[in-house]
Protein backbone atom coordinates (compact mmCIF):
# COMPACT_ATOMS: atom_id res chain seq x y z
CA MET A 1 63.46 70.86 -42.33
CA SER A 2 65.80 71.16 -39.39
CA VAL A 3 66.03 68.75 -36.54
CA ARG A 4 64.66 71.31 -34.11
CA GLY A 5 61.49 71.83 -36.14
CA THR A 6 60.94 68.12 -36.38
CA ARG A 7 61.10 67.80 -32.63
CA ARG A 8 58.61 70.64 -32.15
CA ARG A 9 56.23 69.13 -34.59
CA GLY A 10 56.39 65.71 -32.84
CA ALA A 11 55.82 67.28 -29.48
CA LEU A 12 52.79 69.15 -30.83
CA LEU A 13 51.34 66.00 -32.30
CA ALA A 14 51.90 64.14 -29.03
CA ALA A 15 50.16 66.91 -27.09
CA VAL A 16 47.19 66.90 -29.47
CA GLY A 17 46.92 63.08 -29.24
CA LEU A 18 47.10 63.18 -25.48
CA ALA A 19 44.36 65.79 -25.35
CA ALA A 20 42.18 63.71 -27.66
CA VAL A 21 42.69 60.61 -25.52
CA LEU A 22 41.82 62.56 -22.38
CA ALA A 23 38.73 63.97 -24.04
CA LEU A 24 37.55 60.54 -25.16
CA ALA A 25 38.23 59.13 -21.72
CA GLY A 26 36.19 61.90 -20.11
CA CYS A 27 33.27 61.30 -22.49
CA GLY A 28 33.39 57.59 -21.82
CA ALA A 29 33.44 58.18 -18.10
CA ASP A 30 30.44 60.53 -18.30
CA GLY A 31 28.49 58.11 -20.49
CA GLY A 32 29.33 55.15 -18.26
CA GLY A 33 28.28 57.02 -15.18
CA THR A 34 25.04 58.05 -16.82
CA ALA A 35 24.34 54.53 -17.93
CA THR A 36 25.11 53.17 -14.48
CA ASP A 37 22.92 55.73 -12.83
CA SER A 38 20.12 55.08 -15.25
CA GLY A 39 20.45 51.31 -14.77
CA ALA A 40 20.65 51.59 -11.00
CA ALA A 41 17.69 53.92 -10.78
CA PRO A 42 15.13 51.42 -12.08
CA ALA A 43 16.62 48.73 -9.85
CA ALA A 44 16.33 50.94 -6.83
CA GLY A 45 12.85 51.98 -7.90
CA GLY A 46 11.89 48.35 -8.38
CA ALA A 47 13.25 47.47 -4.98
CA ARG A 48 11.36 50.37 -3.45
CA ASP A 49 8.23 49.29 -5.28
CA ALA A 50 8.76 45.73 -4.08
CA ASP A 51 9.32 46.95 -0.54
CA ALA A 52 6.26 49.13 -0.81
CA GLY A 53 4.27 46.27 -2.19
CA ALA A 54 5.53 44.02 0.57
CA ASP A 55 4.68 46.66 3.16
CA ALA A 56 1.29 47.14 1.62
CA GLY A 57 0.63 43.41 1.45
CA ALA A 58 2.21 42.60 4.79
CA PRO A 59 -0.94 43.07 6.90
CA ALA A 60 -3.03 40.91 4.60
CA GLY A 61 -0.35 38.22 4.37
CA ALA A 62 0.25 38.31 8.08
CA GLY A 63 -3.46 38.16 8.70
CA LYS A 64 -3.72 35.06 6.52
CA ALA A 65 -0.71 33.33 7.99
CA ALA A 66 -1.72 33.98 11.57
CA PRO A 67 -5.07 32.13 11.38
CA ALA A 68 -3.42 29.25 9.58
CA GLU A 69 -0.80 28.99 12.28
CA SER A 70 -3.45 29.39 14.96
CA GLY A 71 -5.58 26.74 13.29
CA ALA A 72 -2.65 24.34 13.10
CA GLY A 73 -1.95 24.82 16.78
CA GLY A 74 -5.67 24.60 17.61
CA ALA A 75 -5.94 21.17 16.00
CA ASP A 76 -3.41 19.90 18.53
CA LEU A 77 -4.31 21.90 21.63
CA ARG A 78 -7.99 22.86 21.60
CA VAL A 79 -10.29 20.13 22.87
CA ASP A 80 -13.33 21.39 21.00
CA GLN A 81 -11.56 20.76 17.69
CA ARG A 82 -10.65 17.16 18.50
CA SER A 83 -12.76 14.03 18.03
CA ILE A 84 -13.09 12.40 21.46
CA ILE A 85 -15.37 9.52 22.46
CA TYR A 86 -16.61 9.75 26.06
CA THR A 87 -17.90 6.65 27.87
CA GLY A 88 -19.10 6.59 31.46
CA THR A 89 -20.17 3.85 33.89
CA MET A 90 -21.66 4.55 37.30
CA ARG A 91 -23.61 2.91 40.12
CA VAL A 92 -26.00 4.88 42.32
CA ARG A 93 -27.90 3.61 45.37
CA VAL A 94 -31.35 5.21 45.64
CA THR A 95 -34.43 4.83 47.80
CA ASP A 96 -36.89 4.33 44.91
CA VAL A 97 -35.40 2.69 41.82
CA GLU A 98 -38.39 3.35 39.56
CA ARG A 99 -38.55 7.03 40.39
CA ALA A 100 -34.80 7.47 39.89
CA ALA A 101 -34.98 5.73 36.51
CA ARG A 102 -37.82 8.01 35.38
CA GLU A 103 -35.97 11.15 36.47
CA ALA A 104 -32.80 10.04 34.69
CA THR A 105 -34.76 9.38 31.49
CA ASP A 106 -36.48 12.77 31.64
CA ARG A 107 -33.21 14.65 32.19
CA VAL A 108 -31.46 12.90 29.32
CA ARG A 109 -34.32 13.64 26.94
CA THR A 110 -34.40 17.25 28.07
CA ALA A 111 -30.66 17.53 27.31
CA GLY A 112 -31.23 16.28 23.75
CA GLY A 113 -30.31 12.61 24.22
CA PHE A 114 -32.22 9.36 24.28
CA VAL A 115 -32.35 6.02 26.10
CA GLY A 116 -30.43 3.29 24.28
CA GLY A 117 -31.22 0.45 26.70
CA ASP A 118 -33.40 -0.16 29.75
CA GLN A 119 -33.30 -3.24 32.02
CA ARG A 120 -35.24 -3.23 35.28
CA ASP A 121 -35.94 -5.73 38.06
CA SER A 122 -38.45 -4.34 40.53
CA ASP A 123 -40.08 -7.51 41.88
CA SER A 124 -37.34 -8.62 44.27
CA ALA A 125 -36.33 -6.91 47.48
CA ASP A 126 -33.11 -5.60 45.94
CA ALA A 127 -34.62 -3.67 43.02
CA ARG A 128 -32.29 -2.82 40.17
CA ALA A 129 -32.44 -0.71 36.98
CA GLU A 130 -29.69 -0.50 34.37
CA LEU A 131 -29.99 2.28 31.78
CA THR A 132 -27.86 2.95 28.71
CA LEU A 133 -28.09 6.66 27.95
CA ARG A 134 -26.85 8.55 24.86
CA VAL A 135 -26.26 12.22 25.58
CA PRO A 136 -24.60 15.07 23.61
CA ALA A 137 -20.86 15.23 24.20
CA ASP A 138 -20.99 18.80 25.48
CA ARG A 139 -23.52 17.78 28.17
CA PHE A 140 -21.69 14.65 29.27
CA THR A 141 -20.20 16.00 32.51
CA ALA A 142 -23.39 17.80 33.51
CA ILE A 143 -25.54 14.69 33.03
CA ILE A 144 -23.06 12.59 35.01
CA ASP A 145 -23.29 15.00 37.94
CA GLN A 146 -27.10 15.09 37.74
CA LEU A 147 -27.34 11.30 37.81
CA ALA A 148 -24.99 11.14 40.78
CA GLY A 149 -27.24 13.59 42.61
CA LEU A 150 -30.24 11.25 42.42
CA GLY A 151 -28.88 9.14 45.27
CA ARG A 152 -25.61 8.00 46.81
CA GLN A 153 -22.95 7.34 44.22
CA GLU A 154 -21.00 4.14 44.85
CA GLN A 155 -18.96 3.78 41.69
CA ARG A 156 -17.96 5.96 38.73
CA GLU A 157 -15.65 5.27 35.80
CA ILE A 158 -15.10 7.60 32.84
CA ARG A 159 -13.10 6.57 29.77
CA THR A 160 -12.04 8.69 26.79
CA GLN A 161 -10.74 7.74 23.36
CA ASP A 162 -9.17 10.28 21.03
CA VAL A 163 -10.02 9.41 17.41
CA THR A 164 -8.85 12.64 15.80
CA GLU A 165 -6.15 11.00 13.71
CA GLU A 166 -8.52 8.25 12.61
CA THR A 167 -11.12 10.83 11.59
CA VAL A 168 -8.59 12.83 9.57
CA ASP A 169 -7.35 9.64 7.91
CA LEU A 170 -10.90 8.65 7.01
CA ASP A 171 -11.56 12.07 5.50
CA ALA A 172 -8.47 11.79 3.31
CA ARG A 173 -9.31 8.25 2.24
CA ILE A 174 -12.90 9.21 1.44
CA ALA A 175 -11.73 12.13 -0.73
CA THR A 176 -9.29 9.89 -2.59
CA GLN A 177 -11.88 7.17 -3.07
CA ARG A 178 -14.42 9.66 -4.43
CA ALA A 179 -11.85 10.81 -6.99
CA ARG A 180 -11.22 7.20 -7.98
CA VAL A 181 -14.94 6.59 -8.40
CA ALA A 182 -15.29 9.71 -10.56
CA SER A 183 -12.38 8.67 -12.79
CA ALA A 184 -13.81 5.16 -13.19
CA ARG A 185 -17.17 6.61 -14.17
CA ASN A 186 -15.51 8.83 -16.76
CA LEU A 187 -13.76 5.81 -18.26
CA LEU A 188 -17.04 3.92 -18.21
CA ALA A 189 -18.72 6.68 -20.19
CA LYS A 190 -15.97 6.38 -22.84
CA ALA A 191 -16.05 2.57 -23.10
CA SER A 192 -16.38 1.37 -26.70
CA THR A 193 -16.44 -2.42 -26.40
CA ILE A 194 -18.57 -4.79 -24.36
CA GLY A 195 -15.52 -6.24 -22.60
CA ASP A 196 -14.32 -2.81 -21.49
CA LEU A 197 -17.86 -1.92 -20.43
CA VAL A 198 -18.18 -5.02 -18.22
CA ASN A 199 -14.74 -4.57 -16.66
CA LEU A 200 -15.31 -0.89 -15.94
CA GLU A 201 -18.73 -1.57 -14.45
CA ASN A 202 -17.18 -4.10 -12.06
CA GLU A 203 -14.43 -1.66 -11.17
CA VAL A 204 -16.93 1.13 -10.53
CA GLY A 205 -19.01 -1.16 -8.33
CA ARG A 206 -15.96 -2.21 -6.31
CA ARG A 207 -14.80 1.36 -5.81
CA GLU A 208 -18.28 2.50 -4.82
CA ALA A 209 -18.51 -0.34 -2.28
CA ASP A 210 -15.18 0.72 -0.77
CA LEU A 211 -16.40 4.31 -0.64
CA ALA A 212 -19.62 3.25 1.08
CA SER A 213 -17.64 1.29 3.68
CA LEU A 214 -15.42 4.27 4.46
CA GLU A 215 -18.42 6.58 4.73
CA ALA A 216 -20.13 4.13 7.10
CA LYS A 217 -17.05 4.15 9.35
CA LYS A 218 -17.04 7.94 9.28
CA ARG A 219 -20.71 8.06 10.27
CA ARG A 220 -20.06 5.62 13.10
CA LEU A 221 -17.23 7.74 14.46
CA ALA A 222 -19.32 10.88 14.07
CA ASP A 223 -22.13 9.25 16.06
CA LEU A 224 -19.80 8.14 18.84
CA THR A 225 -18.15 11.55 19.11
CA ALA A 226 -21.40 13.52 18.89
CA LEU A 227 -23.31 11.38 21.42
CA SER A 228 -21.54 10.02 24.49
CA THR A 229 -22.64 6.81 26.23
CA ILE A 230 -23.48 6.58 29.93
CA THR A 231 -24.34 3.27 31.59
CA VAL A 232 -25.94 3.94 34.96
CA THR A 233 -27.15 1.29 37.42
CA PHE A 234 -29.67 2.26 40.10
CA VAL A 235 -29.90 -0.18 43.03
CA GLY A 236 -32.23 -0.24 45.98
CA PRO A 237 -31.24 0.20 49.62
CA ASP A 238 -31.22 -3.58 50.24
CA ALA A 239 -28.95 -4.45 47.29
CA ALA A 240 -25.59 -6.01 48.01
CA ALA A 241 -22.63 -3.68 47.96
CA VAL A 242 -19.99 -3.97 45.28
CA GLU A 243 -16.90 -5.70 46.59
CA PRO A 244 -13.62 -4.05 45.67
CA GLU A 245 -11.31 -6.01 43.44
CA GLU A 246 -8.51 -7.77 45.30
CA LYS A 247 -4.96 -7.03 44.25
CA SER A 248 -2.73 -9.92 43.30
CA GLU A 249 -0.46 -10.98 46.19
CA LEU A 250 2.41 -13.41 46.59
CA GLY A 251 3.52 -15.51 49.56
CA PHE A 252 3.18 -18.85 51.32
CA LEU A 253 -0.22 -18.12 52.82
CA VAL A 254 -1.54 -16.92 49.49
CA GLY A 255 -0.32 -20.12 47.83
CA LEU A 256 -1.76 -22.27 50.64
CA ARG A 257 -5.11 -20.53 50.37
CA GLY A 258 -5.09 -20.99 46.61
CA GLY A 259 -4.19 -24.70 46.93
CA TRP A 260 -6.95 -25.27 49.49
CA ASP A 261 -9.47 -23.56 47.27
CA ALA A 262 -8.35 -25.76 44.36
CA PHE A 263 -8.67 -28.91 46.54
CA VAL A 264 -12.15 -27.93 47.69
CA GLY A 265 -13.12 -27.23 44.10
CA ALA A 266 -11.83 -30.63 42.98
CA VAL A 267 -13.77 -32.38 45.78
CA ARG A 268 -16.91 -30.53 44.79
CA VAL A 269 -16.46 -31.57 41.19
CA ALA A 270 -15.93 -35.20 42.22
CA LEU A 271 -19.02 -35.17 44.43
CA THR A 272 -21.02 -33.61 41.62
CA VAL A 273 -19.95 -36.35 39.22
CA LEU A 274 -20.74 -39.01 41.83
CA GLY A 275 -24.18 -37.55 42.41
CA ALA A 276 -24.83 -37.61 38.68
CA LEU A 277 -23.75 -41.27 38.39
CA LEU A 278 -25.52 -42.55 41.54
CA PRO A 279 -28.96 -43.09 39.93
CA PHE A 280 -27.39 -45.19 37.18
CA LEU A 281 -25.43 -47.21 39.72
CA VAL A 282 -28.57 -47.95 41.75
CA VAL A 283 -30.71 -48.92 38.77
CA ILE A 284 -28.08 -50.97 36.95
CA GLY A 285 -25.55 -51.97 39.63
CA VAL A 286 -27.91 -53.49 42.26
CA PRO A 287 -29.60 -56.01 39.91
CA LEU A 288 -26.21 -56.92 38.48
CA VAL A 289 -24.77 -57.65 41.96
CA LEU A 290 -27.80 -59.80 42.87
CA LEU A 291 -27.46 -61.75 39.65
CA LEU A 292 -23.80 -62.45 40.31
CA ARG A 293 -24.52 -63.69 43.85
CA TRP A 294 -27.28 -66.04 42.65
CA SER A 295 -24.96 -67.50 40.01
CA ARG A 296 -22.26 -68.20 42.60
CA ARG A 297 -24.66 -69.93 45.00
CA ARG A 298 -26.01 -72.20 42.26
CA ALA A 299 -22.49 -73.12 41.22
CA ARG A 300 -21.66 -74.17 44.79
CA ARG A 301 -24.76 -76.46 45.18
CA THR A 302 -24.19 -78.46 41.96
CA PRO A 303 -21.35 -81.11 42.44
CA PRO A 304 -18.92 -81.38 39.60
CA ASP A 305 -18.92 -84.57 37.39
CA ARG A 306 -16.00 -86.88 38.36
CA PRO A 307 -14.45 -89.35 35.81
CA ALA A 308 -14.49 -93.22 36.52
CA PRO A 309 -11.31 -94.65 38.16
CA MET A 310 -8.91 -96.49 35.89
CA LEU A 311 -7.91 -100.14 37.09
CA PRO A 312 -4.32 -101.33 36.48
CA THR A 313 -3.93 -104.19 33.97
CA PRO A 314 -1.27 -106.99 34.39
CA ALA A 315 1.59 -107.10 32.04
CA GLY A 316 1.57 -110.09 29.59
CA PRO A 317 3.12 -111.20 26.39
CA VAL A 318 2.90 -108.82 23.69
CA ASP A 319 1.70 -111.22 20.97
CA GLY A 320 -0.43 -113.65 23.05
CA PRO A 321 -3.78 -113.14 24.59
CA SER A 322 -4.00 -111.53 27.91
CA PRO A 323 -4.69 -114.03 30.77
CA SER A 324 -8.08 -113.90 32.29
CA GLY A 325 -7.15 -115.37 35.71
CA PRO A 326 -4.69 -114.34 38.31
CA PRO A 327 -1.03 -114.92 37.57
CA PRO A 328 0.41 -118.38 38.59
CA VAL A 329 2.19 -118.70 41.87
CA PRO A 330 5.66 -120.32 41.65
CA ALA A 331 6.10 -123.76 43.41
CA THR A 332 8.22 -123.95 46.47
CA ARG A 333 11.32 -126.07 46.39
CA SER A 334 11.92 -128.94 48.81
CA ALA A 335 15.05 -129.10 50.79
CA PRO A 336 17.67 -131.69 49.66
């Protein structure tokens, strides 16, 4: 074989190999593109299905989320969803105290409430009636205005107490305590020994007592929030007016007035004590003074006992007898 033929044959083989490589590359490219398209199609279809499902479920989901969000905001903003205790105190001056008290009682009962307390004093000139009324919370303002219209209102005070958080806390604690009671009862039903039975019975009793206490608190709050309390005082036309409370002041005159009031109060206390002791002083002190005076007078009239006077004795010898006569007088000497 010549060199030229060998070169031709190598070039032919190289061309055939290149064609085969190109053909394989083309097949691989077509297969890869088909596989990619087929893999991307389900993904796109799934995404479309998910989008469609989301679009289809969007109204329902939005409808569910909106009330929840509205309810959450309503618990903080809407007054009718909060637990509020209303308490009112008022004073009304009327012409006829008895008639005003009867009208107030009738209006409260008509509104669905009742009278919780009734104190009346109709004998004196300044008649007075104090009523404690329990009315539904939604009629609180209307009843207050109706009571004020029975005469001339002199004083009104309305207080509110928001117990929403306390009510929610009680509900959660009651639910938890009920679950604890149920679990303790289940353990009690499975008790196998007397010791376990006694211990579980004590535990069940303790948990039930705690549950009863929480439920009692919840009922008390429910009663206070459902029925508001109004304390109204009807006074007659001759009753004394309510004096306004004085504000605290500072200054020399205020201190002087306070000191004088304290001095007058101390004098009154001293006079009161003296008045309480005066009967005892008269009954006991007067006889005692008379007795002391009589004792002094008697002591002055009786002379005291005086001792006998002591006479001086002459000095003599120590060992000899004492002379009985006067001492001898010495003889005078004669002059030389």
